[in-house]
Amino acid sequence: MKKLLVITCSILVCAITGFTQEDEKAKKVLDGVSKEMSTYNTIYIEFKSSIKAEGVNSSSSGKAWIKGNQYYYEDENAKIWNNTKFLWNLEVDEGVCYKTQADEEEGINPSKLLRIWEEGFKYQYYEKGSTTSLHAIKLFPKNPKESKYHTLIVKVNKSTPKIHSMTVKTKDGMTLYYTITKLTPNIEVGDSKFKFDPAKNPGVEVEEL
């Protein structure tokens, strides 16, 4: 019995040590990305995305401009402006722009997604998902009951501390995939970029929610 207890304890210690090492490895990679991101006043990105859920399997490409917590996002289906006070969501096919308070946002905020690990998440280096050119790291919410996320996988370039791609799994069964095809930091962009302008969108009806 004593020998069995020693073996069991040894296995537990090895497992805990392994997880700790993986967490430290993940932290080093993510800290490098955070440090790099802290030098950016603004970001312009181009990306490819896809969504998979029950009855849904679609893909698109888009662009986003980010300045602090403000952002403007566009793809083939929607345009979204967020100036931290209001959010405007223009459904292209409908020709209707829905205006809400920014703090009521239910979608995925690109300005927060690019640094999502910095608050409210545990992380572990994902060896099976890593390649010769990419680090893969799994993120898990610290408080799953309060989070809309189930799991995220962030892939980071090994040659430079920049995000390559991200997989986002939500608790409602949706999986979103993002691949950043271009990232340009510190571009000139005015605050007007993040506010819906009726003059630039003639014929669009604005509906306040």
N, C-alpha and C. Protein backbone atom coordinates (compact mmCIF):
# COMPACT_ATOMS: atom_id res chain seq x y z
N MET A 1 0.84 -1.21 0.00
CA MET A 1 0.00 0.00 0.00
C MET A 1 0.87 1.26 0.00
N LYS A 2 1.93 1.22 0.84
CA LYS A 2 2.82 2.38 0.91
C LYS A 2 3.48 2.64 -0.43
N LYS A 3 3.91 1.55 -1.10
CA LYS A 3 4.55 1.69 -2.42
C LYS A 3 3.57 2.27 -3.43
N LEU A 4 2.29 1.84 -3.35
CA LEU A 4 1.25 2.33 -4.26
C LEU A 4 1.04 3.82 -4.06
N LEU A 5 1.03 4.27 -2.80
CA LEU A 5 0.86 5.69 -2.51
C LEU A 5 2.02 6.51 -3.06
N VAL A 6 3.23 5.98 -2.94
CA VAL A 6 4.41 6.67 -3.44
C VAL A 6 4.34 6.82 -4.96
N ILE A 7 3.93 5.74 -5.64
CA ILE A 7 3.82 5.77 -7.10
C ILE A 7 2.76 6.78 -7.53
N THR A 8 1.61 6.74 -6.82
CA THR A 8 0.50 7.65 -7.14
C THR A 8 0.94 9.10 -6.96
N CYS A 9 1.61 9.40 -5.87
CA CYS A 9 2.08 10.75 -5.60
C CYS A 9 3.09 11.19 -6.66
N SER A 10 3.96 10.28 -7.07
CA SER A 10 4.96 10.59 -8.08
C SER A 10 4.30 10.96 -9.40
N ILE A 11 3.26 10.20 -9.76
CA ILE A 11 2.53 10.48 -11.00
C ILE A 11 1.88 11.85 -10.94
N LEU A 12 1.27 12.16 -9.79
CA LEU A 12 0.62 13.47 -9.62
C LEU A 12 1.61 14.61 -9.70
N VAL A 13 2.76 14.43 -9.06
CA VAL A 13 3.80 15.48 -9.08
C VAL A 13 4.29 15.70 -10.51
N CYS A 14 4.50 14.62 -11.25
CA CYS A 14 4.96 14.74 -12.64
C CYS A 14 3.93 15.45 -13.49
N ALA A 15 2.66 15.11 -13.27
CA ALA A 15 1.58 15.74 -14.05
C ALA A 15 1.50 17.22 -13.75
N ILE A 16 1.55 17.57 -12.46
CA ILE A 16 1.47 18.98 -12.07
C ILE A 16 2.67 19.75 -12.61
N THR A 17 3.87 19.15 -12.51
CA THR A 17 5.07 19.80 -13.02
C THR A 17 4.97 20.03 -14.52
N GLY A 18 4.44 19.02 -15.23
CA GLY A 18 4.27 19.15 -16.68
C GLY A 18 3.35 20.28 -17.04
N PHE A 19 2.19 20.38 -16.34
CA PHE A 19 1.25 21.46 -16.62
C PHE A 19 1.86 22.81 -16.30
N THR A 20 2.64 22.89 -15.19
CA THR A 20 3.27 24.15 -14.81
C THR A 20 4.25 24.61 -15.88
N GLN A 21 5.04 23.67 -16.39
CA GLN A 21 6.00 24.00 -17.43
C GLN A 21 5.30 24.48 -18.70
N GLU A 22 4.21 23.82 -19.04
CA GLU A 22 3.45 24.21 -20.23
C GLU A 22 2.86 25.61 -20.04
N ASP A 23 2.36 25.89 -18.83
CA ASP A 23 1.79 27.20 -18.56
C ASP A 23 2.86 28.28 -18.66
N GLU A 24 4.05 27.98 -18.13
CA GLU A 24 5.14 28.95 -18.18
C GLU A 24 5.59 29.19 -19.63
N LYS A 25 5.59 28.15 -20.42
CA LYS A 25 5.97 28.28 -21.82
C LYS A 25 4.94 29.12 -22.57
N ALA A 26 3.67 28.87 -22.28
CA ALA A 26 2.59 29.64 -22.90
C ALA A 26 2.66 31.10 -22.47
N LYS A 27 2.92 31.32 -21.18
CA LYS A 27 2.99 32.69 -20.66
C LYS A 27 4.11 33.47 -21.33
N LYS A 28 5.24 32.84 -21.53
CA LYS A 28 6.36 33.52 -22.17
C LYS A 28 5.99 33.97 -23.58
N VAL A 29 5.30 33.09 -24.33
CA VAL A 29 4.90 33.44 -25.70
C VAL A 29 3.88 34.58 -25.68
N LEU A 30 2.85 34.45 -24.83
CA LEU A 30 1.80 35.46 -24.78
C LEU A 30 2.31 36.80 -24.25
N ASP A 31 3.23 36.76 -23.29
CA ASP A 31 3.83 38.00 -22.79
C ASP A 31 4.58 38.72 -23.91
N GLY A 32 5.20 37.93 -24.78
CA GLY A 32 5.91 38.53 -25.91
C GLY A 32 4.96 39.24 -26.86
N VAL A 33 3.79 38.62 -27.10
CA VAL A 33 2.78 39.25 -27.96
C VAL A 33 2.25 40.52 -27.30
N SER A 34 1.95 40.44 -26.00
CA SER A 34 1.44 41.61 -25.28
C SER A 34 2.43 42.76 -25.31
N LYS A 35 3.71 42.44 -25.14
CA LYS A 35 4.75 43.47 -25.18
C LYS A 35 4.81 44.13 -26.55
N GLU A 36 4.72 43.30 -27.60
CA GLU A 36 4.72 43.84 -28.96
C GLU A 36 3.49 44.71 -29.20
N MET A 37 2.34 44.23 -28.76
CA MET A 37 1.09 44.96 -28.96
C MET A 37 1.08 46.30 -28.22
N SER A 38 1.79 46.36 -27.09
CA SER A 38 1.82 47.60 -26.30
C SER A 38 2.53 48.73 -27.03
N THR A 39 3.28 48.41 -28.09
CA THR A 39 3.96 49.44 -28.87
C THR A 39 3.08 49.98 -30.00
N TYR A 40 1.88 49.40 -30.14
CA TYR A 40 0.97 49.82 -31.21
C TYR A 40 -0.05 50.82 -30.69
N ASN A 41 -0.10 51.98 -31.30
CA ASN A 41 -1.17 52.94 -30.99
C ASN A 41 -2.43 52.63 -31.80
N THR A 42 -2.22 52.16 -33.01
CA THR A 42 -3.32 51.76 -33.89
C THR A 42 -2.91 50.49 -34.63
N ILE A 43 -3.91 49.77 -35.12
CA ILE A 43 -3.65 48.54 -35.87
C ILE A 43 -4.61 48.47 -37.06
N TYR A 44 -4.07 48.05 -38.19
CA TYR A 44 -4.90 47.72 -39.35
C TYR A 44 -4.65 46.26 -39.67
N ILE A 45 -5.73 45.47 -39.78
CA ILE A 45 -5.56 44.07 -40.11
C ILE A 45 -6.47 43.65 -41.26
N GLU A 46 -5.99 42.69 -42.02
CA GLU A 46 -6.81 42.01 -43.01
C GLU A 46 -6.85 40.54 -42.58
N PHE A 47 -7.99 39.92 -42.75
CA PHE A 47 -8.14 38.56 -42.22
C PHE A 47 -9.12 37.73 -43.06
N LYS A 48 -9.02 36.44 -42.85
CA LYS A 48 -10.00 35.50 -43.39
C LYS A 48 -10.69 34.86 -42.19
N SER A 49 -11.98 34.63 -42.31
CA SER A 49 -12.71 34.05 -41.19
C SER A 49 -13.73 33.04 -41.68
N SER A 50 -14.11 32.14 -40.79
CA SER A 50 -15.18 31.20 -41.09
C SER A 50 -15.93 30.90 -39.81
N ILE A 51 -17.20 30.55 -39.97
CA ILE A 51 -18.07 30.24 -38.85
C ILE A 51 -18.71 28.88 -39.07
N LYS A 52 -18.64 28.05 -38.04
CA LYS A 52 -19.31 26.76 -38.11
C LYS A 52 -20.20 26.60 -36.88
N ALA A 53 -21.44 26.23 -37.13
CA ALA A 53 -22.40 25.99 -36.07
C ALA A 53 -23.49 25.10 -36.65
N GLU A 54 -24.47 24.76 -35.86
CA GLU A 54 -25.56 23.93 -36.36
C GLU A 54 -26.29 24.65 -37.49
N GLY A 55 -26.24 24.09 -38.68
CA GLY A 55 -26.91 24.70 -39.83
C GLY A 55 -26.17 25.86 -40.45
N VAL A 56 -24.95 26.14 -39.96
CA VAL A 56 -24.17 27.28 -40.47
C VAL A 56 -22.76 26.82 -40.83
N ASN A 57 -22.32 27.18 -42.01
CA ASN A 57 -20.94 26.91 -42.43
C ASN A 57 -20.59 27.95 -43.50
N SER A 58 -20.05 29.07 -43.06
CA SER A 58 -19.78 30.16 -43.99
C SER A 58 -18.36 30.69 -43.79
N SER A 59 -17.86 31.36 -44.82
CA SER A 59 -16.52 31.95 -44.74
C SER A 59 -16.54 33.31 -45.41
N SER A 60 -15.61 34.15 -45.01
CA SER A 60 -15.53 35.49 -45.59
C SER A 60 -14.13 36.05 -45.34
N SER A 61 -13.88 37.20 -45.90
CA SER A 61 -12.64 37.93 -45.62
C SER A 61 -13.02 39.34 -45.23
N GLY A 62 -12.18 39.99 -44.47
CA GLY A 62 -12.53 41.32 -44.01
C GLY A 62 -11.34 42.14 -43.59
N LYS A 63 -11.65 43.32 -43.04
CA LYS A 63 -10.63 44.27 -42.59
C LYS A 63 -11.09 44.88 -41.26
N ALA A 64 -10.14 45.35 -40.49
CA ALA A 64 -10.47 46.04 -39.25
C ALA A 64 -9.42 47.08 -38.93
N TRP A 65 -9.89 48.22 -38.43
CA TRP A 65 -9.03 49.28 -37.93
C TRP A 65 -9.27 49.38 -36.43
N ILE A 66 -8.20 49.39 -35.64
CA ILE A 66 -8.33 49.39 -34.19
C ILE A 66 -7.50 50.53 -33.60
N LYS A 67 -8.11 51.23 -32.65
CA LYS A 67 -7.42 52.32 -31.96
C LYS A 67 -7.88 52.29 -30.50
N GLY A 68 -7.02 51.76 -29.64
CA GLY A 68 -7.45 51.56 -28.26
C GLY A 68 -8.59 50.55 -28.23
N ASN A 69 -9.71 50.94 -27.61
CA ASN A 69 -10.89 50.09 -27.58
C ASN A 69 -11.89 50.43 -28.69
N GLN A 70 -11.53 51.38 -29.53
CA GLN A 70 -12.37 51.71 -30.67
C GLN A 70 -12.00 50.81 -31.85
N TYR A 71 -13.01 50.50 -32.66
CA TYR A 71 -12.68 49.72 -33.86
C TYR A 71 -13.75 49.91 -34.94
N TYR A 72 -13.32 49.66 -36.16
CA TYR A 72 -14.22 49.57 -37.31
C TYR A 72 -13.91 48.27 -38.02
N TYR A 73 -14.94 47.50 -38.30
CA TYR A 73 -14.81 46.17 -38.87
C TYR A 73 -15.70 46.06 -40.10
N GLU A 74 -15.21 45.42 -41.14
CA GLU A 74 -16.08 45.20 -42.29
C GLU A 74 -15.74 43.87 -42.97
N ASP A 75 -16.79 43.20 -43.46
CA ASP A 75 -16.62 42.05 -44.32
C ASP A 75 -17.74 42.09 -45.36
N GLU A 76 -17.96 41.00 -46.06
CA GLU A 76 -18.96 41.02 -47.12
C GLU A 76 -20.38 41.19 -46.61
N ASN A 77 -20.61 40.85 -45.35
CA ASN A 77 -21.96 40.85 -44.80
C ASN A 77 -22.30 42.01 -43.88
N ALA A 78 -21.28 42.59 -43.26
CA ALA A 78 -21.56 43.60 -42.24
C ALA A 78 -20.46 44.64 -42.12
N LYS A 79 -20.84 45.77 -41.57
CA LYS A 79 -19.90 46.81 -41.18
C LYS A 79 -20.24 47.19 -39.75
N ILE A 80 -19.23 47.27 -38.90
CA ILE A 80 -19.47 47.56 -37.49
C ILE A 80 -18.54 48.69 -37.04
N TRP A 81 -19.14 49.71 -36.42
CA TRP A 81 -18.39 50.82 -35.85
C TRP A 81 -18.58 50.78 -34.33
N ASN A 82 -17.51 50.99 -33.60
CA ASN A 82 -17.59 51.05 -32.13
C ASN A 82 -16.64 52.14 -31.65
N ASN A 83 -17.21 53.22 -31.11
CA ASN A 83 -16.38 54.31 -30.59
C ASN A 83 -16.35 54.31 -29.06
N THR A 84 -16.66 53.18 -28.46
CA THR A 84 -16.72 52.90 -27.02
C THR A 84 -17.96 53.48 -26.34
N LYS A 85 -18.67 54.36 -27.02
CA LYS A 85 -19.92 54.90 -26.48
C LYS A 85 -21.11 54.24 -27.16
N PHE A 86 -21.05 54.18 -28.49
CA PHE A 86 -22.11 53.53 -29.27
C PHE A 86 -21.52 52.50 -30.22
N LEU A 87 -22.36 51.54 -30.59
CA LEU A 87 -21.99 50.55 -31.59
C LEU A 87 -23.04 50.58 -32.70
N TRP A 88 -22.57 50.66 -33.93
CA TRP A 88 -23.45 50.64 -35.10
C TRP A 88 -23.15 49.37 -35.89
N ASN A 89 -24.17 48.56 -36.13
CA ASN A 89 -24.01 47.32 -36.87
C ASN A 89 -24.85 47.39 -38.13
N LEU A 90 -24.18 47.56 -39.25
CA LEU A 90 -24.86 47.67 -40.54
C LEU A 90 -24.90 46.32 -41.22
N GLU A 91 -26.12 45.78 -41.37
CA GLU A 91 -26.32 44.54 -42.12
C GLU A 91 -26.43 44.92 -43.59
N VAL A 92 -25.43 44.58 -44.38
CA VAL A 92 -25.33 45.04 -45.76
C VAL A 92 -26.55 44.65 -46.59
N ASP A 93 -26.96 43.39 -46.50
CA ASP A 93 -28.09 42.93 -47.30
C ASP A 93 -29.40 43.61 -46.92
N GLU A 94 -29.56 43.92 -45.64
CA GLU A 94 -30.80 44.54 -45.17
C GLU A 94 -30.84 46.04 -45.42
N GLY A 95 -29.67 46.66 -45.48
CA GLY A 95 -29.62 48.11 -45.62
C GLY A 95 -30.07 48.83 -44.37
N VAL A 96 -29.95 48.13 -43.22
CA VAL A 96 -30.36 48.70 -41.93
C VAL A 96 -29.16 48.70 -40.99
N CYS A 97 -28.99 49.80 -40.27
CA CYS A 97 -27.90 49.92 -39.30
C CYS A 97 -28.51 49.95 -37.89
N TYR A 98 -28.14 49.00 -37.06
CA TYR A 98 -28.67 48.90 -35.71
C TYR A 98 -27.71 49.58 -34.73
N LYS A 99 -28.23 50.55 -33.99
CA LYS A 99 -27.41 51.32 -33.06
C LYS A 99 -27.74 50.92 -31.62
N THR A 100 -26.70 50.60 -30.85
CA THR A 100 -26.87 50.23 -29.45
C THR A 100 -25.78 50.90 -28.61
N GLN A 101 -25.91 50.80 -27.30
CA GLN A 101 -24.85 51.24 -26.40
C GLN A 101 -23.67 50.27 -26.58
N ALA A 102 -22.47 50.80 -26.61
CA ALA A 102 -21.29 49.96 -26.84
C ALA A 102 -21.12 48.88 -25.78
N ASP A 103 -21.52 49.20 -24.54
CA ASP A 103 -21.34 48.22 -23.46
C ASP A 103 -22.35 47.07 -23.53
N GLU A 104 -23.29 47.14 -24.48
CA GLU A 104 -24.25 46.06 -24.66
C GLU A 104 -23.84 45.10 -25.78
N GLU A 105 -22.64 45.28 -26.27
CA GLU A 105 -22.15 44.46 -27.38
C GLU A 105 -22.16 42.99 -27.02
N GLU A 106 -22.71 42.17 -27.92
CA GLU A 106 -22.78 40.73 -27.70
C GLU A 106 -21.82 39.96 -28.61
N GLY A 107 -21.35 40.59 -29.66
CA GLY A 107 -20.46 39.92 -30.60
C GLY A 107 -19.03 39.89 -30.10
N ILE A 108 -18.13 39.62 -31.02
CA ILE A 108 -16.72 39.51 -30.68
C ILE A 108 -16.01 40.79 -31.05
N ASN A 109 -15.44 41.43 -30.07
CA ASN A 109 -14.77 42.72 -30.22
C ASN A 109 -13.31 42.49 -30.63
N PRO A 110 -12.92 42.88 -31.84
CA PRO A 110 -11.54 42.60 -32.30
C PRO A 110 -10.47 43.30 -31.48
N SER A 111 -10.79 44.46 -30.90
CA SER A 111 -9.78 45.17 -30.11
C SER A 111 -9.47 44.41 -28.81
N LYS A 112 -10.44 43.65 -28.31
CA LYS A 112 -10.22 42.86 -27.10
C LYS A 112 -9.73 41.45 -27.44
N LEU A 113 -10.18 40.93 -28.57
CA LEU A 113 -9.81 39.57 -28.96
C LEU A 113 -8.31 39.42 -29.17
N LEU A 114 -7.67 40.45 -29.68
CA LEU A 114 -6.24 40.38 -29.97
C LEU A 114 -5.37 40.31 -28.71
N ARG A 115 -6.00 40.60 -27.52
CA ARG A 115 -5.25 40.51 -26.27
C ARG A 115 -6.10 39.81 -25.21
N ILE A 116 -6.95 38.90 -25.64
CA ILE A 116 -7.96 38.33 -24.76
C ILE A 116 -7.38 37.57 -23.57
N TRP A 117 -6.20 37.03 -23.71
CA TRP A 117 -5.60 36.22 -22.65
C TRP A 117 -5.18 37.05 -21.44
N GLU A 118 -5.13 38.36 -21.57
CA GLU A 118 -4.59 39.20 -20.50
C GLU A 118 -5.50 39.29 -19.28
N GLU A 119 -6.75 38.88 -19.42
CA GLU A 119 -7.66 38.98 -18.29
C GLU A 119 -8.72 37.87 -18.36
N GLY A 120 -8.84 37.11 -17.28
CA GLY A 120 -9.92 36.14 -17.17
C GLY A 120 -9.69 34.79 -17.80
N PHE A 121 -8.43 34.48 -18.17
CA PHE A 121 -8.16 33.21 -18.83
C PHE A 121 -6.96 32.48 -18.24
N LYS A 122 -7.06 31.16 -18.23
CA LYS A 122 -5.91 30.30 -17.98
C LYS A 122 -5.39 29.86 -19.35
N TYR A 123 -4.13 29.46 -19.42
CA TYR A 123 -3.59 29.04 -20.70
C TYR A 123 -2.59 27.91 -20.55
N GLN A 124 -2.46 27.16 -21.63
CA GLN A 124 -1.53 26.04 -21.65
C GLN A 124 -0.96 25.88 -23.05
N TYR A 125 0.33 25.63 -23.12
CA TYR A 125 0.98 25.42 -24.42
C TYR A 125 0.41 24.14 -25.03
N TYR A 126 0.06 24.21 -26.30
CA TYR A 126 -0.60 23.11 -27.00
C TYR A 126 0.38 22.49 -27.98
N GLU A 127 1.12 21.48 -27.51
CA GLU A 127 2.18 20.87 -28.32
C GLU A 127 1.64 20.28 -29.62
N LYS A 128 0.50 19.60 -29.56
CA LYS A 128 -0.04 18.93 -30.76
C LYS A 128 -0.48 19.92 -31.83
N GLY A 129 -0.83 21.12 -31.40
CA GLY A 129 -1.28 22.12 -32.36
C GLY A 129 -0.16 23.00 -32.89
N SER A 130 1.02 22.89 -32.28
CA SER A 130 2.17 23.71 -32.68
C SER A 130 2.87 23.10 -33.89
N THR A 131 3.56 23.95 -34.65
CA THR A 131 4.30 23.49 -35.82
C THR A 131 5.71 24.08 -35.76
N THR A 132 6.48 23.84 -36.80
CA THR A 132 7.83 24.38 -36.84
C THR A 132 7.83 25.91 -36.90
N SER A 133 6.73 26.49 -37.36
CA SER A 133 6.68 27.95 -37.50
C SER A 133 5.69 28.64 -36.56
N LEU A 134 4.85 27.85 -35.88
CA LEU A 134 3.81 28.45 -35.05
C LEU A 134 3.75 27.83 -33.65
N HIS A 135 3.59 28.70 -32.63
CA HIS A 135 3.23 28.26 -31.29
C HIS A 135 1.72 28.14 -31.23
N ALA A 136 1.21 27.13 -30.55
CA ALA A 136 -0.24 27.02 -30.33
C ALA A 136 -0.50 27.01 -28.82
N ILE A 137 -1.45 27.81 -28.40
CA ILE A 137 -1.76 27.94 -26.98
C ILE A 137 -3.27 27.87 -26.77
N LYS A 138 -3.68 27.03 -25.84
CA LYS A 138 -5.11 26.92 -25.50
C LYS A 138 -5.45 27.87 -24.36
N LEU A 139 -6.59 28.52 -24.48
CA LEU A 139 -7.08 29.42 -23.44
C LEU A 139 -8.38 28.86 -22.88
N PHE A 140 -8.51 28.92 -21.55
CA PHE A 140 -9.72 28.46 -20.89
C PHE A 140 -10.21 29.55 -19.93
N PRO A 141 -11.51 29.88 -19.92
CA PRO A 141 -12.01 30.90 -18.99
C PRO A 141 -11.80 30.48 -17.54
N LYS A 142 -11.37 31.41 -16.70
CA LYS A 142 -11.21 31.13 -15.28
C LYS A 142 -12.57 30.93 -14.61
N ASN A 143 -13.57 31.63 -15.10
CA ASN A 143 -14.93 31.50 -14.58
C ASN A 143 -15.85 31.08 -15.72
N PRO A 144 -15.89 29.79 -16.03
CA PRO A 144 -16.65 29.31 -17.19
C PRO A 144 -18.13 29.69 -17.17
N LYS A 145 -18.73 29.72 -15.99
CA LYS A 145 -20.16 30.04 -15.90
C LYS A 145 -20.46 31.46 -16.32
N GLU A 146 -19.48 32.36 -16.18
CA GLU A 146 -19.69 33.77 -16.50
C GLU A 146 -19.17 34.14 -17.89
N SER A 147 -18.58 33.18 -18.58
CA SER A 147 -17.98 33.47 -19.89
C SER A 147 -18.82 32.89 -21.02
N LYS A 148 -18.81 33.59 -22.16
CA LYS A 148 -19.48 33.07 -23.35
C LYS A 148 -18.57 32.15 -24.14
N TYR A 149 -17.30 32.08 -23.72
CA TYR A 149 -16.33 31.25 -24.43
C TYR A 149 -16.17 29.89 -23.78
N HIS A 150 -15.93 28.87 -24.61
CA HIS A 150 -15.62 27.53 -24.11
C HIS A 150 -14.11 27.32 -24.13
N THR A 151 -13.51 27.45 -25.31
CA THR A 151 -12.06 27.28 -25.49
C THR A 151 -11.59 28.17 -26.63
N LEU A 152 -10.39 28.66 -26.53
CA LEU A 152 -9.76 29.38 -27.63
C LEU A 152 -8.39 28.78 -27.89
N ILE A 153 -8.00 28.77 -29.14
CA ILE A 153 -6.64 28.36 -29.50
C ILE A 153 -5.99 29.51 -30.25
N VAL A 154 -4.93 30.04 -29.69
CA VAL A 154 -4.20 31.15 -30.31
C VAL A 154 -2.91 30.61 -30.90
N LYS A 155 -2.66 30.94 -32.16
CA LYS A 155 -1.40 30.54 -32.79
C LYS A 155 -0.56 31.78 -33.06
N VAL A 156 0.69 31.69 -32.65
CA VAL A 156 1.61 32.83 -32.71
C VAL A 156 2.82 32.46 -33.55
N ASN A 157 3.23 33.37 -34.42
CA ASN A 157 4.43 33.15 -35.24
C ASN A 157 5.66 32.99 -34.34
N LYS A 158 6.48 32.01 -34.64
CA LYS A 158 7.71 31.82 -33.87
C LYS A 158 8.79 32.83 -34.26
N SER A 159 8.72 33.33 -35.47
CA SER A 159 9.74 34.26 -35.96
C SER A 159 9.53 35.69 -35.46
N THR A 160 8.28 36.01 -35.08
CA THR A 160 7.96 37.35 -34.60
C THR A 160 6.75 37.24 -33.68
N PRO A 161 6.68 38.02 -32.60
CA PRO A 161 5.60 37.87 -31.63
C PRO A 161 4.27 38.47 -32.10
N LYS A 162 3.73 37.90 -33.15
CA LYS A 162 2.46 38.38 -33.71
C LYS A 162 1.51 37.20 -33.88
N ILE A 163 0.22 37.47 -33.67
CA ILE A 163 -0.79 36.43 -33.82
C ILE A 163 -0.93 36.05 -35.29
N HIS A 164 -0.94 34.78 -35.54
CA HIS A 164 -1.15 34.25 -36.88
C HIS A 164 -2.62 33.91 -37.10
N SER A 165 -3.21 33.21 -36.14
CA SER A 165 -4.60 32.78 -36.29
C SER A 165 -5.20 32.48 -34.92
N MET A 166 -6.52 32.30 -34.92
CA MET A 166 -7.22 32.05 -33.67
C MET A 166 -8.48 31.23 -33.95
N THR A 167 -8.72 30.27 -33.07
CA THR A 167 -9.95 29.49 -33.10
C THR A 167 -10.74 29.82 -31.84
N VAL A 168 -11.99 30.19 -32.02
CA VAL A 168 -12.83 30.59 -30.89
C VAL A 168 -14.04 29.67 -30.81
N LYS A 169 -14.16 28.95 -29.71
CA LYS A 169 -15.32 28.08 -29.49
C LYS A 169 -16.18 28.68 -28.39
N THR A 170 -17.45 28.94 -28.71
CA THR A 170 -18.37 29.52 -27.73
C THR A 170 -19.21 28.42 -27.08
N LYS A 171 -19.82 28.76 -25.96
CA LYS A 171 -20.60 27.77 -25.23
C LYS A 171 -21.91 27.43 -25.92
N ASP A 172 -22.32 28.24 -26.89
CA ASP A 172 -23.56 27.93 -27.61
C ASP A 172 -23.31 27.06 -28.85
N GLY A 173 -22.11 26.49 -28.96
CA GLY A 173 -21.83 25.54 -30.02
C GLY A 173 -21.27 26.13 -31.30
N MET A 174 -20.90 27.39 -31.27
CA MET A 174 -20.35 28.04 -32.46
C MET A 174 -18.82 27.99 -32.42
N THR A 175 -18.22 27.76 -33.59
CA THR A 175 -16.77 27.79 -33.71
C THR A 175 -16.40 28.79 -34.79
N LEU A 176 -15.53 29.73 -34.43
CA LEU A 176 -15.08 30.76 -35.36
C LEU A 176 -13.58 30.61 -35.58
N TYR A 177 -13.17 30.75 -36.83
CA TYR A 177 -11.77 30.65 -37.19
C TYR A 177 -11.32 31.97 -37.83
N TYR A 178 -10.20 32.50 -37.36
CA TYR A 178 -9.64 33.73 -37.91
C TYR A 178 -8.18 33.51 -38.29
N THR A 179 -7.82 33.96 -39.46
CA THR A 179 -6.42 33.95 -39.87
C THR A 179 -6.06 35.36 -40.31
N ILE A 180 -5.06 35.94 -39.68
CA ILE A 180 -4.62 37.29 -40.03
C ILE A 180 -3.67 37.22 -41.22
N THR A 181 -4.07 37.83 -42.31
CA THR A 181 -3.24 37.80 -43.53
C THR A 181 -2.35 39.03 -43.66
N LYS A 182 -2.69 40.08 -42.92
CA LYS A 182 -1.88 41.30 -42.95
C LYS A 182 -2.10 42.06 -41.65
N LEU A 183 -1.04 42.55 -41.07
CA LEU A 183 -1.13 43.38 -39.87
C LEU A 183 -0.17 44.54 -39.99
N THR A 184 -0.71 45.76 -39.96
CA THR A 184 0.12 46.97 -40.05
C THR A 184 -0.14 47.83 -38.82
N PRO A 185 0.87 48.04 -37.98
CA PRO A 185 0.68 48.85 -36.77
C PRO A 185 0.93 50.34 -37.01
N ASN A 186 0.40 51.15 -36.10
CA ASN A 186 0.69 52.58 -36.02
C ASN A 186 0.39 53.35 -37.31
N ILE A 187 -0.76 53.05 -37.90
CA ILE A 187 -1.21 53.81 -39.06
C ILE A 187 -1.95 55.06 -38.59
N GLU A 188 -2.04 56.04 -39.44
CA GLU A 188 -2.81 57.24 -39.11
C GLU A 188 -4.29 56.96 -39.31
N VAL A 189 -5.08 57.14 -38.27
CA VAL A 189 -6.52 56.94 -38.37
C VAL A 189 -7.22 57.86 -37.36
N GLY A 190 -8.18 58.65 -37.84
CA GLY A 190 -8.90 59.57 -36.98
C GLY A 190 -10.07 58.90 -36.28
N ASP A 191 -10.56 59.52 -35.21
CA ASP A 191 -11.65 58.95 -34.44
C ASP A 191 -12.94 58.85 -35.24
N SER A 192 -13.08 59.64 -36.29
CA SER A 192 -14.30 59.59 -37.11
C SER A 192 -14.45 58.23 -37.80
N LYS A 193 -13.37 57.48 -37.90
CA LYS A 193 -13.41 56.16 -38.53
C LYS A 193 -14.30 55.19 -37.76
N PHE A 194 -14.49 55.48 -36.47
CA PHE A 194 -15.17 54.54 -35.60
C PHE A 194 -16.60 54.95 -35.27
N LYS A 195 -17.13 55.87 -36.07
CA LYS A 195 -18.50 56.35 -35.88
C LYS A 195 -19.25 56.28 -37.20
N PHE A 196 -20.46 55.76 -37.18
CA PHE A 196 -21.28 55.66 -38.39
C PHE A 196 -21.58 57.05 -38.93
N ASP A 197 -21.36 57.24 -40.23
CA ASP A 197 -21.58 58.52 -40.89
C ASP A 197 -22.69 58.34 -41.93
N PRO A 198 -23.89 58.89 -41.69
CA PRO A 198 -25.00 58.74 -42.64
C PRO A 198 -24.66 59.27 -44.04
N ALA A 199 -23.83 60.31 -44.11
CA ALA A 199 -23.48 60.89 -45.41
C ALA A 199 -22.70 59.91 -46.28
N LYS A 200 -21.95 59.03 -45.64
CA LYS A 200 -21.15 58.06 -46.38
C LYS A 200 -21.93 56.76 -46.62
N ASN A 201 -23.12 56.69 -46.06
CA ASN A 201 -23.95 55.51 -46.22
C ASN A 201 -25.38 55.92 -46.59
N PRO A 202 -25.53 56.56 -47.74
CA PRO A 202 -26.85 57.06 -48.14
C PRO A 202 -27.87 55.93 -48.30
N GLY A 203 -29.09 56.23 -47.85
CA GLY A 203 -30.17 55.26 -47.99
C GLY A 203 -30.23 54.22 -46.90
N VAL A 204 -29.28 54.27 -45.97
CA VAL A 204 -29.27 53.29 -44.88
C VAL A 204 -30.13 53.78 -43.72
N GLU A 205 -31.04 52.95 -43.30
CA GLU A 205 -31.92 53.28 -42.17
C GLU A 205 -31.23 52.94 -40.86
N VAL A 206 -31.27 53.87 -39.90
CA VAL A 206 -30.67 53.62 -38.59
C VAL A 206 -31.79 53.31 -37.59
N GLU A 207 -31.67 52.18 -36.94
CA GLU A 207 -32.67 51.76 -35.97
C GLU A 207 -32.00 51.65 -34.59
N GLU A 208 -32.46 52.45 -33.64
CA GLU A 208 -31.89 52.44 -32.31
C GLU A 208 -32.56 51.35 -31.46
N LEU A 209 -31.76 50.55 -30.83
CA LEU A 209 -32.27 49.43 -30.01
C LEU A 209 -32.14 49.74 -28.52
